[in-house]
Amino acid sequence: MYVELKNINKQFGDFQASRHVSFTIERGQLIGLLGPSGSGKTTILRMIAGLETPDSGDIFIDGVRVNDIPAAKRGIGFVFQSYALFRYMSVFDNIAFGLKVQKKEQAFIQARVTELIKLIGLEGMEKRRPHQLSGGQRQRVAFARALAPNPHLLLLDEPFAAIDAKVRKELRAWLRETITKVGITSIFVTHDQEEAVEVADEIIITHQGQIEQKGTPIDIYRNPKTPFAAKFVGESTEISAYHQLPGFEQVDGFDRAVIRPEFVRMTKVAKEIYPHASGRGVIEDIFFRGNALEVRVDLSGEKITAYQQLDDDAFEVGEEVSVLIHRLYLSNEQEVRMVENLAINHVGSVFI
């Protein structure tokens, strides 16, 4: 394994930022550290970088224990959320900064910076200052500056947080393509699920200083291993009286359930397909989400969210509808279990 954390603990006063954190990363992977604010993801990144020191545990990079190695000697490139570019330096000089600190020859600096400017697609902008660039362009310069000294590992702390939504989406694809091209092992911190799913080879979910789950985006989405992962990933709704839903029974040891919108199918009452597996709900809100509608429905006192395609039957607030829940995740304090609607005989004919 190229990066390995073993039983890392870190505390700031009364706050436990990292609690027995252990995971491994293979060489060349692009890893997303995903979690809510205060979950410990940035602390993990900073300890790997050498900007924070763990209270206990070991950090290995390429087989070498780096706990006592200064940040400047770890061979790590760091991209900050705020770009941290030098305001009065040109694009060229910002990218060249680390190379000049290393006292590289001018010819080498010229060639390396020229190569990176081409890589980030900013040819012709070498003399511009940061204030003359867009947010996306500034982040590309910060990325190139981090790559300039040929680091062995690249760390990115919320790299798209300061960029508007449209440019952020474009930069995600660019970042993944560029990192794949360069072939550098990379770890980025984000609280944006869509960002993590779109960019990362694997995702590490953090919560209250602990690692909840590690896996591919598809595996984490389809097979959450902990109650927090089931609730946090996707647009989930948590309910307690799941056994009152048609087609579901009380399971000993599981006191709640998580329902994702894609587990729900709503139809006009007159078009109800599985009456024994469906319940009657009342639509409370409808939100336009661009390519679909997000529909909030009250089902026997439980608030359920579903997605509706734009070309499906139109619903109105206050309308009674048939609600079919295909499956749900049962959970308690320790584990998650997926269960199917027992009243459906031919699930495949309804859901894909």
Protein backbone atom coordinates (compact mmCIF):
# COMPACT_ATOMS: atom_id res chain seq x y z
CA MET A 1 0.00 0.00 0.00
CA TYR A 2 1.28 3.46 -0.85
CA VAL A 3 -0.39 5.39 1.99
CA GLU A 4 -1.27 3.71 5.27
CA LEU A 5 -2.71 5.11 8.50
CA LYS A 6 -2.60 2.87 11.56
CA ASN A 7 -4.75 3.61 14.59
CA ILE A 8 -4.43 7.40 14.36
CA ASN A 9 -5.79 9.50 17.22
CA LYS A 10 -5.87 13.29 17.42
CA GLN A 11 -7.49 15.52 20.01
CA PHE A 12 -7.86 19.31 20.19
CA GLY A 13 -8.75 20.17 23.78
CA ASP A 14 -12.01 18.32 24.49
CA PHE A 15 -12.66 17.62 20.80
CA GLN A 16 -11.66 14.20 19.46
CA ALA A 17 -10.88 14.95 15.82
CA SER A 18 -9.57 11.47 14.94
CA ARG A 19 -10.48 8.28 16.75
CA HIS A 20 -8.62 5.05 15.89
CA VAL A 21 -8.40 5.97 12.20
CA SER A 22 -6.92 3.24 10.01
CA PHE A 23 -7.02 2.83 6.22
CA THR A 24 -4.80 2.14 3.22
CA ILE A 25 -4.52 3.70 -0.24
CA GLU A 26 -2.97 2.06 -3.28
CA ARG A 27 -0.50 3.85 -5.52
CA GLY A 28 -2.12 5.93 -8.25
CA GLN A 29 -5.58 6.04 -6.66
CA LEU A 30 -7.72 9.17 -6.39
CA ILE A 31 -9.41 9.02 -2.98
CA GLY A 32 -12.24 11.19 -1.68
CA LEU A 33 -12.49 11.89 2.05
CA LEU A 34 -16.22 12.54 2.41
CA GLY A 35 -18.07 13.66 5.51
CA PRO A 36 -20.04 16.47 7.16
CA SER A 37 -18.39 19.47 8.77
CA GLY A 38 -16.49 18.50 11.91
CA SER A 39 -16.22 14.84 10.92
CA GLY A 40 -12.40 14.86 10.98
CA LYS A 41 -11.62 14.64 7.27
CA THR A 42 -9.47 17.79 7.06
CA THR A 43 -7.57 16.79 10.20
CA ILE A 44 -6.68 13.49 8.52
CA LEU A 45 -5.45 15.33 5.44
CA ARG A 46 -3.36 17.75 7.50
CA MET A 47 -1.76 14.92 9.48
CA ILE A 48 -0.78 13.15 6.28
CA ALA A 49 0.70 16.43 5.04
CA GLY A 50 2.61 16.97 8.25
CA LEU A 51 0.72 20.14 9.15
CA GLU A 52 -0.66 18.41 12.25
CA THR A 53 0.92 15.68 14.39
CA PRO A 54 -1.14 12.67 15.55
CA ASP A 55 -1.29 12.08 19.31
CA SER A 56 -0.81 8.37 18.63
CA GLY A 57 -0.65 5.99 15.70
CA ASP A 58 1.53 5.80 12.61
CA ILE A 59 1.43 7.28 9.10
CA PHE A 60 3.32 5.54 6.30
CA ILE A 61 3.95 6.85 2.79
CA ASP A 62 5.53 4.41 0.35
CA GLY A 63 6.55 2.18 3.28
CA VAL A 64 8.27 4.97 5.24
CA ARG A 65 6.94 6.12 8.61
CA VAL A 66 6.61 9.89 8.26
CA ASN A 67 5.37 10.95 11.71
CA ASP A 68 8.67 12.65 12.51
CA ILE A 69 9.46 13.87 9.00
CA PRO A 70 8.82 17.63 8.47
CA ALA A 71 6.08 18.58 6.02
CA ALA A 72 8.56 20.10 3.57
CA LYS A 73 10.42 16.80 3.27
CA ARG A 74 7.48 14.45 2.78
CA GLY A 75 7.26 14.96 -0.99
CA ILE A 76 3.66 16.14 -0.82
CA GLY A 77 1.82 18.71 -2.92
CA PHE A 78 -1.05 20.55 -1.21
CA VAL A 79 -3.91 22.43 -2.88
CA PHE A 80 -5.82 24.70 -0.51
CA GLN A 81 -9.49 25.63 -0.66
CA SER A 82 -8.65 29.34 -0.89
CA TYR A 83 -6.05 28.86 -3.69
CA ALA A 84 -3.39 30.61 -1.55
CA LEU A 85 -1.80 32.13 -4.66
CA PHE A 86 0.66 35.00 -4.33
CA ARG A 87 -1.32 38.08 -5.35
CA TYR A 88 1.55 40.05 -6.85
CA MET A 89 3.10 37.15 -8.77
CA SER A 90 2.22 36.16 -12.32
CA VAL A 91 0.79 32.77 -13.23
CA PHE A 92 4.28 31.69 -14.30
CA ASP A 93 5.94 32.82 -11.06
CA ASN A 94 3.24 31.29 -8.86
CA ILE A 95 3.78 27.90 -10.49
CA ALA A 96 7.56 28.30 -10.40
CA PHE A 97 7.67 29.26 -6.72
CA GLY A 98 8.41 25.81 -5.30
CA LEU A 99 11.03 25.12 -7.93
CA LYS A 100 12.83 28.35 -7.07
CA VAL A 101 12.78 27.41 -3.38
CA GLN A 102 14.42 24.13 -4.41
CA LYS A 103 17.01 26.21 -6.33
CA LYS A 104 16.39 24.47 -9.63
CA GLU A 105 18.19 25.77 -12.72
CA GLN A 106 16.39 28.41 -14.73
CA ALA A 107 16.22 26.22 -17.83
CA PHE A 108 14.56 23.44 -15.84
CA ILE A 109 12.08 25.88 -14.28
CA GLN A 110 11.20 27.33 -17.68
CA ALA A 111 10.57 23.89 -19.17
CA ARG A 112 8.64 22.54 -16.19
CA VAL A 113 6.37 25.57 -15.82
CA THR A 114 5.71 25.66 -19.55
CA GLU A 115 4.75 21.98 -19.42
CA LEU A 116 2.35 22.57 -16.52
CA ILE A 117 0.75 25.64 -18.07
CA LYS A 118 -0.04 23.53 -21.10
CA LEU A 119 -1.38 20.77 -18.85
CA ILE A 120 -3.84 23.13 -17.14
CA GLY A 121 -4.84 24.78 -20.40
CA LEU A 122 -3.72 28.34 -19.62
CA GLU A 123 -1.30 28.96 -22.48
CA GLY A 124 -1.01 32.68 -23.19
CA MET A 125 -1.90 33.65 -19.60
CA GLU A 126 1.59 33.23 -18.13
CA LYS A 127 1.94 36.93 -17.25
CA ARG A 128 -1.48 37.42 -15.71
CA ARG A 129 -1.91 38.03 -11.99
CA PRO A 130 -4.44 36.05 -9.89
CA HIS A 131 -6.99 38.90 -9.88
CA GLN A 132 -7.07 38.70 -13.69
CA LEU A 133 -8.18 35.07 -13.62
CA SER A 134 -11.52 33.39 -12.98
CA GLY A 135 -11.98 31.21 -9.91
CA GLY A 136 -11.59 28.07 -11.99
CA GLN A 137 -8.40 29.37 -13.58
CA ARG A 138 -6.94 30.29 -10.20
CA GLN A 139 -7.63 26.79 -8.91
CA ARG A 140 -5.87 25.33 -11.95
CA VAL A 141 -2.83 27.49 -11.20
CA ALA A 142 -2.87 26.29 -7.58
CA PHE A 143 -3.03 22.71 -8.86
CA ALA A 144 -0.07 23.28 -11.20
CA ARG A 145 1.95 24.94 -8.44
CA ALA A 146 1.40 21.89 -6.22
CA LEU A 147 2.52 19.58 -9.05
CA ALA A 148 5.58 21.60 -10.05
CA PRO A 149 8.10 19.99 -7.62
CA ASN A 150 6.98 16.49 -8.76
CA PRO A 151 5.44 15.41 -5.43
CA HIS A 152 4.81 11.75 -4.68
CA LEU A 153 1.39 12.49 -3.20
CA LEU A 154 -1.15 15.22 -3.89
CA LEU A 155 -3.57 16.45 -1.21
CA LEU A 156 -6.52 18.73 -1.98
CA ASP A 157 -8.62 20.39 0.73
CA GLU A 158 -12.13 21.19 -0.57
CA PRO A 159 -10.59 22.20 -3.93
CA PHE A 160 -13.87 23.33 -5.53
CA ALA A 161 -15.58 24.98 -2.55
CA ALA A 162 -14.85 28.56 -3.62
CA ILE A 163 -16.01 28.07 -7.22
CA ASP A 164 -19.51 28.54 -8.62
CA ALA A 165 -21.61 25.46 -9.40
CA LYS A 166 -21.25 25.35 -13.19
CA VAL A 167 -17.47 25.81 -13.19
CA ARG A 168 -17.17 23.38 -10.28
CA LYS A 169 -18.79 20.63 -12.35
CA GLU A 170 -16.44 21.31 -15.27
CA LEU A 171 -13.41 21.28 -12.97
CA ARG A 172 -14.36 17.91 -11.51
CA ALA A 173 -14.05 16.22 -14.87
CA TRP A 174 -10.86 18.15 -15.60
CA LEU A 175 -9.30 17.20 -12.26
CA ARG A 176 -10.02 13.51 -12.67
CA GLU A 177 -8.72 13.47 -16.24
CA THR A 178 -5.58 15.42 -15.28
CA ILE A 179 -4.73 13.32 -12.23
CA THR A 180 -5.23 10.16 -14.28
CA LYS A 181 -2.89 11.56 -16.93
CA VAL A 182 -0.24 12.53 -14.38
CA GLY A 183 -0.66 9.26 -12.47
CA ILE A 184 -0.14 10.75 -9.01
CA THR A 185 -1.71 9.29 -5.88
CA SER A 186 -4.21 11.89 -4.66
CA ILE A 187 -6.54 12.49 -1.71
CA PHE A 188 -9.16 15.21 -1.71
CA VAL A 189 -11.50 16.37 1.05
CA THR A 190 -15.13 17.20 0.30
CA HIS A 191 -18.54 17.34 1.94
CA ASP A 192 -20.24 17.14 -1.47
CA GLN A 193 -21.49 13.62 -2.23
CA GLU A 194 -21.94 14.29 -5.94
CA GLU A 195 -18.37 15.57 -6.14
CA ALA A 196 -16.96 12.50 -4.37
CA VAL A 197 -18.96 10.06 -6.48
CA GLU A 198 -18.01 11.75 -9.75
CA VAL A 199 -14.29 12.19 -9.06
CA ALA A 200 -13.02 9.48 -6.69
CA ASP A 201 -11.84 5.94 -7.38
CA GLU A 202 -12.71 5.16 -3.78
CA ILE A 203 -14.49 7.10 -1.03
CA ILE A 204 -13.69 7.14 2.67
CA ILE A 205 -16.65 8.31 4.76
CA THR A 206 -15.76 10.08 8.01
CA HIS A 207 -18.04 10.78 10.96
CA GLN A 208 -17.25 12.03 14.47
CA GLY A 209 -13.55 11.40 13.94
CA GLN A 210 -14.00 7.81 12.77
CA ILE A 211 -13.97 5.97 9.46
CA GLU A 212 -17.48 4.76 8.71
CA GLN A 213 -16.83 3.01 5.40
CA LYS A 214 -14.33 2.78 2.56
CA GLY A 215 -15.13 1.55 -0.94
CA THR A 216 -15.94 2.44 -4.51
CA PRO A 217 -18.70 5.01 -5.04
CA ILE A 218 -21.05 2.31 -6.35
CA ASP A 219 -20.34 -0.06 -3.47
CA ILE A 220 -20.82 2.63 -0.82
CA TYR A 221 -24.06 3.78 -2.40
CA ARG A 222 -25.54 0.33 -2.88
CA ASN A 223 -24.15 -1.38 0.22
CA PRO A 224 -23.85 1.00 3.17
CA LYS A 225 -22.16 -0.77 6.09
CA THR A 226 -23.15 1.53 8.95
CA PRO A 227 -26.33 3.43 9.93
CA PHE A 228 -24.57 6.74 9.33
CA ALA A 229 -23.43 5.72 5.83
CA ALA A 230 -26.98 4.66 4.97
CA LYS A 231 -28.38 8.03 6.09
CA PHE A 232 -25.57 10.25 4.81
CA VAL A 233 -25.17 8.90 1.28
CA GLY A 234 -28.01 9.75 -1.06
CA GLU A 235 -31.17 11.78 -0.35
CA SER A 236 -32.38 9.54 2.43
CA THR A 237 -35.37 9.70 4.78
CA GLU A 238 -35.23 8.00 8.19
CA ILE A 239 -38.44 6.65 9.74
CA SER A 240 -39.21 4.61 12.85
CA ALA A 241 -42.59 2.94 12.17
CA TYR A 242 -41.38 1.07 9.09
CA HIS A 243 -43.41 -2.04 10.02
CA GLN A 244 -46.59 -0.06 9.35
CA LEU A 245 -45.66 0.35 5.69
CA PRO A 246 -47.37 -2.10 3.32
CA GLY A 247 -45.15 -5.12 2.60
CA PHE A 248 -42.79 -4.70 5.56
CA GLU A 249 -42.66 -6.40 8.95
CA GLN A 250 -41.02 -5.57 12.27
CA VAL A 251 -37.56 -7.13 12.49
CA ASP A 252 -36.16 -7.75 15.97
CA GLY A 253 -33.23 -5.53 16.84
CA PHE A 254 -33.93 -2.92 14.15
CA ASP A 255 -35.80 0.14 15.35
CA ARG A 256 -35.66 2.39 12.29
CA ALA A 257 -35.41 2.38 8.51
CA VAL A 258 -33.84 4.52 5.80
CA ILE A 259 -35.71 5.06 2.54
CA ARG A 260 -34.07 6.55 -0.54
CA PRO A 261 -36.13 8.32 -3.21
CA GLU A 262 -35.27 5.73 -5.85
CA PHE A 263 -36.86 3.06 -3.63
CA VAL A 264 -40.24 4.82 -4.01
CA ARG A 265 -42.70 4.71 -6.91
CA MET A 266 -45.74 6.96 -6.93
CA THR A 267 -48.68 6.57 -9.32
CA LYS A 268 -52.18 7.85 -9.72
CA VAL A 269 -54.56 5.87 -7.52
CA ALA A 270 -56.39 4.71 -10.65
CA LYS A 271 -53.12 3.28 -12.04
CA GLU A 272 -52.07 1.42 -8.88
CA ILE A 273 -50.15 -1.74 -9.85
CA TYR A 274 -49.60 -3.61 -6.57
CA PRO A 275 -52.45 -2.69 -4.20
CA HIS A 276 -51.32 -5.11 -1.49
CA ALA A 277 -47.79 -3.66 -1.53
CA SER A 278 -48.77 0.00 -1.81
CA GLY A 279 -50.13 2.60 0.55
CA ARG A 280 -52.08 5.81 0.07
CA GLY A 281 -50.25 9.07 0.59
CA VAL A 282 -50.94 12.78 0.18
CA ILE A 283 -48.54 15.02 -1.71
CA GLU A 284 -47.26 17.88 0.43
CA ASP A 285 -44.66 19.57 -1.82
CA ILE A 286 -43.28 19.34 -5.34
CA PHE A 287 -39.87 20.79 -6.24
CA PHE A 288 -38.46 21.19 -9.75
CA ARG A 289 -34.90 19.82 -9.90
CA GLY A 290 -34.07 20.40 -13.57
CA ASN A 291 -34.31 16.92 -15.06
CA ALA A 292 -36.81 15.58 -12.51
CA LEU A 293 -39.27 16.52 -9.79
CA GLU A 294 -38.67 15.93 -6.11
CA VAL A 295 -41.97 15.04 -4.49
CA ARG A 296 -42.63 15.05 -0.72
CA VAL A 297 -45.51 12.82 0.33
CA ASP A 298 -47.14 12.06 3.69
CA LEU A 299 -47.59 8.30 4.00
CA SER A 300 -49.40 7.30 7.19
CA GLY A 301 -47.75 10.14 9.08
CA GLU A 302 -44.25 9.46 7.68
CA LYS A 303 -42.68 12.05 5.35
CA ILE A 304 -41.30 10.28 2.27
CA THR A 305 -39.34 11.77 -0.65
CA ALA A 306 -39.56 10.40 -4.20
CA TYR A 307 -38.30 11.39 -7.64
CA GLN A 308 -40.67 11.80 -10.54
CA GLN A 309 -39.65 12.06 -14.19
CA LEU A 310 -40.92 15.09 -16.07
CA ASP A 311 -42.81 12.98 -18.61
CA ASP A 312 -44.60 10.91 -15.94
CA ASP A 313 -48.12 11.69 -14.80
CA ALA A 314 -48.39 15.18 -13.33
CA PHE A 315 -49.22 15.45 -9.63
CA GLU A 316 -50.62 18.29 -7.58
CA VAL A 317 -50.06 19.31 -3.97
CA GLY A 318 -52.84 17.81 -1.85
CA GLU A 319 -53.50 14.95 -4.27
CA GLU A 320 -53.89 11.41 -2.93
CA VAL A 321 -51.52 8.98 -4.66
CA SER A 322 -50.49 5.34 -4.53
CA VAL A 323 -47.05 4.91 -2.93
CA LEU A 324 -45.07 1.73 -3.52
CA ILE A 325 -41.84 1.31 -1.53
CA HIS A 326 -39.71 -1.30 -3.22
CA ARG A 327 -37.07 -1.75 -0.50
CA LEU A 328 -35.52 -0.01 2.46
CA TYR A 329 -32.53 -0.22 4.79
CA LEU A 330 -33.20 -1.32 8.34
CA SER A 331 -30.77 0.01 10.92
CA ASN A 332 -29.95 0.21 14.61
CA GLU A 333 -26.94 1.70 16.36
CA GLN A 334 -24.46 -0.79 14.85
CA GLU A 335 -25.63 -2.33 11.58
CA VAL A 336 -27.64 -1.98 8.39
CA ARG A 337 -29.76 -4.55 6.59
CA MET A 338 -31.57 -4.15 3.27
CA VAL A 339 -35.03 -5.70 3.02
CA GLU A 340 -37.44 -6.00 0.09
CA ASN A 341 -41.16 -5.38 0.04
CA LEU A 342 -42.60 -8.83 0.83
CA ALA A 343 -45.85 -8.15 -1.01
CA ILE A 344 -44.19 -7.71 -4.40
CA ASN A 345 -43.89 -10.90 -6.44
CA HIS A 346 -42.27 -9.46 -9.56
CA VAL A 347 -40.08 -6.54 -8.46
CA GLY A 348 -38.18 -6.47 -11.72
CA SER A 349 -41.28 -5.55 -13.71
CA VAL A 350 -41.62 -2.35 -11.69
CA PHE A 351 -38.08 -1.27 -10.80
CA ILE A 352 -34.86 -1.49 -12.69
